[in-house]
Amino acid sequence: MSAIQKRTVSLPQEHAAFIDRLVKTGAYGSASEVVRAGLRALQERDAAVERWLRDEVAKTCDKIAADPDRSSWRMRFNSAFGRATLSASAAEQ
Protein backbone atom coordinates (compact mmCIF):
# COMPACT_ATOMS: atom_id res chain seq x y z
CA MET A 1 0.00 0.00 0.00
CA SER A 2 1.29 3.48 -0.78
CA ALA A 3 1.79 6.17 1.83
CA ILE A 4 -1.32 7.04 3.78
CA GLN A 5 -2.68 10.56 3.43
CA LYS A 6 -5.15 11.87 5.96
CA ARG A 7 -8.39 13.47 4.79
CA THR A 8 -11.28 15.07 6.60
CA VAL A 9 -14.71 14.45 5.10
CA SER A 10 -18.23 15.53 5.96
CA LEU A 11 -20.91 12.86 5.74
CA PRO A 12 -24.68 12.83 6.09
CA GLN A 13 -25.86 11.20 9.30
CA GLU A 14 -27.08 8.10 7.45
CA HIS A 15 -23.61 7.43 6.00
CA ALA A 16 -21.88 8.06 9.32
CA ALA A 17 -24.31 5.68 11.05
CA PHE A 18 -23.70 3.05 8.37
CA ILE A 19 -19.94 3.27 8.87
CA ASP A 20 -20.35 3.11 12.65
CA ARG A 21 -22.59 0.06 12.34
CA LEU A 22 -20.07 -1.77 10.14
CA VAL A 23 -17.26 -1.06 12.61
CA LYS A 24 -19.40 -1.96 15.63
CA THR A 25 -20.36 -5.34 14.14
CA GLY A 26 -16.70 -6.12 13.53
CA ALA A 27 -17.03 -6.27 9.77
CA TYR A 28 -14.33 -3.59 9.60
CA GLY A 29 -11.72 -2.50 12.11
CA SER A 30 -12.13 1.22 11.59
CA ALA A 31 -14.03 3.89 9.72
CA SER A 32 -10.97 4.27 7.46
CA GLU A 33 -11.23 0.60 6.45
CA VAL A 34 -14.90 1.09 5.53
CA VAL A 35 -14.11 4.12 3.41
CA ARG A 36 -11.19 2.36 1.68
CA ALA A 37 -13.42 -0.62 0.89
CA GLY A 38 -16.07 1.72 -0.50
CA LEU A 39 -13.51 3.50 -2.66
CA ARG A 40 -12.16 0.19 -3.99
CA ALA A 41 -15.71 -0.86 -4.90
CA LEU A 42 -16.26 2.47 -6.66
CA GLN A 43 -12.99 2.06 -8.59
CA GLU A 44 -14.02 -1.46 -9.64
CA ARG A 45 -17.45 -0.27 -10.74
CA ASP A 46 -15.98 2.63 -12.72
CA ALA A 47 -13.48 0.28 -14.39
CA ALA A 48 -16.34 -2.09 -15.31
CA VAL A 49 -18.33 0.77 -16.84
CA GLU A 50 -15.26 1.89 -18.81
CA ARG A 51 -14.71 -1.67 -20.09
CA TRP A 52 -18.38 -1.92 -21.11
CA LEU A 53 -18.25 1.41 -22.92
CA ARG A 54 -15.02 0.49 -24.71
CA ASP A 55 -15.79 -3.16 -25.48
CA GLU A 56 -19.52 -3.04 -26.18
CA VAL A 57 -20.92 0.44 -26.72
CA ALA A 58 -18.07 1.86 -28.80
CA LYS A 59 -17.97 -1.20 -31.04
CA THR A 60 -21.73 -1.05 -31.55
CA CYS A 61 -21.56 2.66 -32.38
CA ASP A 62 -18.78 1.97 -34.88
CA LYS A 63 -20.87 -0.75 -36.54
CA ILE A 64 -23.89 1.56 -36.78
CA ALA A 65 -21.78 4.40 -38.20
CA ALA A 66 -20.26 2.04 -40.77
CA ASP A 67 -23.70 0.92 -42.00
CA PRO A 68 -24.48 3.08 -45.05
CA ASP A 69 -28.12 2.01 -45.07
CA ARG A 70 -29.50 3.71 -41.97
CA SER A 71 -33.03 2.55 -42.76
CA SER A 72 -31.78 -1.02 -42.52
CA TRP A 73 -30.59 -0.29 -38.99
CA ARG A 74 -33.95 1.27 -38.12
CA MET A 75 -35.78 -1.80 -39.44
CA ARG A 76 -33.61 -4.09 -37.29
CA PHE A 77 -34.23 -1.83 -34.30
CA ASN A 78 -37.98 -1.84 -34.86
CA SER A 79 -38.11 -5.59 -35.20
CA ALA A 80 -36.00 -6.06 -32.08
CA PHE A 81 -37.80 -3.58 -29.84
CA GLY A 82 -41.15 -3.06 -31.50
CA ARG A 83 -42.69 -0.01 -33.09
CA ALA A 84 -44.56 0.85 -29.86
CA THR A 85 -41.24 1.49 -28.10
CA LEU A 86 -40.21 4.01 -30.74
CA SER A 87 -43.61 5.67 -30.73
CA ALA A 88 -43.60 5.98 -26.95
CA SER A 89 -40.10 7.50 -26.99
CA ALA A 90 -41.07 9.99 -29.68
CA ALA A 91 -44.21 10.99 -27.79
CA GLU A 92 -42.18 11.73 -24.63
CA GLN A 93 -39.95 14.21 -26.50
C-alpha atoms as a PDB file:
ATOM      1  CA  MET A   1       0.000   0.000   0.000  1.00  0.00           C
ATOM      2  CA  SER A   2       1.288   3.477  -0.779  1.00  0.00           C
ATOM      3  CA  ALA A   3       1.789   6.171   1.834  1.00  0.00           C
ATOM      4  CA  ILE A   4      -1.318   7.043   3.784  1.00  0.00           C
ATOM      5  CA  GLN A   5      -2.685  10.560   3.434  1.00  0.00           C
ATOM      6  CA  LYS A   6      -5.151  11.868   5.962  1.00  0.00           C
ATOM      7  CA  ARG A   7      -8.390  13.468   4.791  1.00  0.00           C
ATOM      8  CA  THR A   8     -11.277  15.073   6.604  1.00  0.00           C
ATOM      9  CA  VAL A   9     -14.709  14.454   5.103  1.00  0.00           C
ATOM     10  CA  SER A  10     -18.227  15.526   5.964  1.00  0.00           C
ATOM     11  CA  LEU A  11     -20.915  12.862   5.735  1.00  0.00           C
ATOM     12  CA  PRO A  12     -24.677  12.832   6.086  1.00  0.00           C
ATOM     13  CA  GLN A  13     -25.863  11.196   9.296  1.00  0.00           C
ATOM     14  CA  GLU A  14     -27.081   8.101   7.448  1.00  0.00           C
ATOM     15  CA  HIS A  15     -23.607   7.432   6.004  1.00  0.00           C
ATOM     16  CA  ALA A  16     -21.879   8.060   9.323  1.00  0.00           C
ATOM     17  CA  ALA A  17     -24.309   5.682  11.048  1.00  0.00           C
ATOM     18  CA  PHE A  18     -23.700   3.052   8.369  1.00  0.00           C
ATOM     19  CA  ILE A  19     -19.941   3.267   8.874  1.00  0.00           C
ATOM     20  CA  ASP A  20     -20.345   3.113  12.649  1.00  0.00           C
ATOM     21  CA  ARG A  21     -22.595   0.059  12.343  1.00  0.00           C
ATOM     22  CA  LEU A  22     -20.073  -1.773  10.142  1.00  0.00           C
ATOM     23  CA  VAL A  23     -17.259  -1.059  12.611  1.00  0.00           C
ATOM     24  CA  LYS A  24     -19.398  -1.964  15.632  1.00  0.00           C
ATOM     25  CA  THR A  25     -20.356  -5.345  14.144  1.00  0.00           C
ATOM     26  CA  GLY A  26     -16.697  -6.122  13.525  1.00  0.00           C
ATOM     27  CA  ALA A  27     -17.029  -6.268   9.766  1.00  0.00           C
ATOM     28  CA  TYR A  28     -14.328  -3.593   9.599  1.00  0.00           C
ATOM     29  CA  GLY A  29     -11.724  -2.503  12.106  1.00  0.00           C
ATOM     30  CA  SER A  30     -12.135   1.221  11.593  1.00  0.00           C
ATOM     31  CA  ALA A  31     -14.026   3.894   9.716  1.00  0.00           C
ATOM     32  CA  SER A  32     -10.972   4.266   7.461  1.00  0.00           C
ATOM     33  CA  GLU A  33     -11.230   0.601   6.451  1.00  0.00           C
ATOM     34  CA  VAL A  34     -14.895   1.088   5.530  1.00  0.00           C
ATOM     35  CA  VAL A  35     -14.109   4.122   3.414  1.00  0.00           C
ATOM     36  CA  ARG A  36     -11.193   2.364   1.684  1.00  0.00           C
ATOM     37  CA  ALA A  37     -13.423  -0.624   0.888  1.00  0.00           C
ATOM     38  CA  GLY A  38     -16.067   1.720  -0.504  1.00  0.00           C
ATOM     39  CA  LEU A  39     -13.509   3.503  -2.660  1.00  0.00           C
ATOM     40  CA  ARG A  40     -12.162   0.192  -3.987  1.00  0.00           C
ATOM     41  CA  ALA A  41     -15.713  -0.857  -4.897  1.00  0.00           C
ATOM     42  CA  LEU A  42     -16.257   2.468  -6.655  1.00  0.00           C
ATOM     43  CA  GLN A  43     -12.994   2.062  -8.592  1.00  0.00           C
ATOM     44  CA  GLU A  44     -14.023  -1.462  -9.639  1.00  0.00           C
ATOM     45  CA  ARG A  45     -17.452  -0.269 -10.743  1.00  0.00           C
ATOM     46  CA  ASP A  46     -15.984   2.634 -12.720  1.00  0.00           C
ATOM     47  CA  ALA A  47     -13.481   0.284 -14.389  1.00  0.00           C
ATOM     48  CA  ALA A  48     -16.337  -2.095 -15.306  1.00  0.00           C
ATOM     49  CA  VAL A  49     -18.331   0.765 -16.844  1.00  0.00           C
ATOM     50  CA  GLU A  50     -15.263   1.894 -18.809  1.00  0.00           C
ATOM     51  CA  ARG A  51     -14.713  -1.674 -20.092  1.00  0.00           C
ATOM     52  CA  TRP A  52     -18.378  -1.924 -21.109  1.00  0.00           C
ATOM     53  CA  LEU A  53     -18.245   1.407 -22.917  1.00  0.00           C
ATOM     54  CA  ARG A  54     -15.023   0.489 -24.713  1.00  0.00           C
ATOM     55  CA  ASP A  55     -15.794  -3.164 -25.476  1.00  0.00           C
ATOM     56  CA  GLU A  56     -19.517  -3.043 -26.182  1.00  0.00           C
ATOM     57  CA  VAL A  57     -20.916   0.442 -26.716  1.00  0.00           C
ATOM     58  CA  ALA A  58     -18.066   1.862 -28.805  1.00  0.00           C
ATOM     59  CA  LYS A  59     -17.967  -1.203 -31.043  1.00  0.00           C
ATOM     60  CA  THR A  60     -21.726  -1.052 -31.545  1.00  0.00           C
ATOM     61  CA  CYS A  61     -21.562   2.663 -32.384  1.00  0.00           C
ATOM     62  CA  ASP A  62     -18.782   1.968 -34.879  1.00  0.00           C
ATOM     63  CA  LYS A  63     -20.873  -0.746 -36.541  1.00  0.00           C
ATOM     64  CA  ILE A  64     -23.890   1.558 -36.782  1.00  0.00           C
ATOM     65  CA  ALA A  65     -21.783   4.404 -38.204  1.00  0.00           C
ATOM     66  CA  ALA A  66     -20.256   2.045 -40.770  1.00  0.00           C
ATOM     67  CA  ASP A  67     -23.701   0.919 -41.998  1.00  0.00           C
ATOM     68  CA  PRO A  68     -24.478   3.079 -45.049  1.00  0.00           C
ATOM     69  CA  ASP A  69     -28.116   2.009 -45.073  1.00  0.00           C
ATOM     70  CA  ARG A  70     -29.503   3.711 -41.966  1.00  0.00           C
ATOM     71  CA  SER A  71     -33.030   2.547 -42.762  1.00  0.00           C
ATOM     72  CA  SER A  72     -31.776  -1.022 -42.518  1.00  0.00           C
ATOM     73  CA  TRP A  73     -30.593  -0.289 -38.989  1.00  0.00           C
ATOM     74  CA  ARG A  74     -33.950   1.268 -38.117  1.00  0.00           C
ATOM     75  CA  MET A  75     -35.777  -1.795 -39.435  1.00  0.00           C
ATOM     76  CA  ARG A  76     -33.606  -4.089 -37.294  1.00  0.00           C
ATOM     77  CA  PHE A  77     -34.229  -1.829 -34.296  1.00  0.00           C
ATOM     78  CA  ASN A  78     -37.985  -1.839 -34.860  1.00  0.00           C
ATOM     79  CA  SER A  79     -38.109  -5.591 -35.197  1.00  0.00           C
ATOM     80  CA  ALA A  80     -35.996  -6.064 -32.082  1.00  0.00           C
ATOM     81  CA  PHE A  81     -37.795  -3.575 -29.835  1.00  0.00           C
ATOM     82  CA  GLY A  82     -41.151  -3.064 -31.502  1.00  0.00           C
ATOM     83  CA  ARG A  83     -42.688  -0.011 -33.086  1.00  0.00           C
ATOM     84  CA  ALA A  84     -44.557   0.845 -29.862  1.00  0.00           C
ATOM     85  CA  THR A  85     -41.242   1.491 -28.101  1.00  0.00           C
ATOM     86  CA  LEU A  86     -40.213   4.005 -30.744  1.00  0.00           C
ATOM     87  CA  SER A  87     -43.612   5.665 -30.726  1.00  0.00           C
ATOM     88  CA  ALA A  88     -43.595   5.984 -26.947  1.00  0.00           C
ATOM     89  CA  SER A  89     -40.102   7.495 -26.995  1.00  0.00           C
ATOM     90  CA  ALA A  90     -41.067   9.990 -29.677  1.00  0.00           C
ATOM     91  CA  ALA A  91     -44.209  10.986 -27.791  1.00  0.00           C
ATOM     92  CA  GLU A  92     -42.175  11.729 -24.632  1.00  0.00           C
ATOM     93  CA  GLN A  93     -39.952  14.211 -26.496  1.00  0.00           C
END
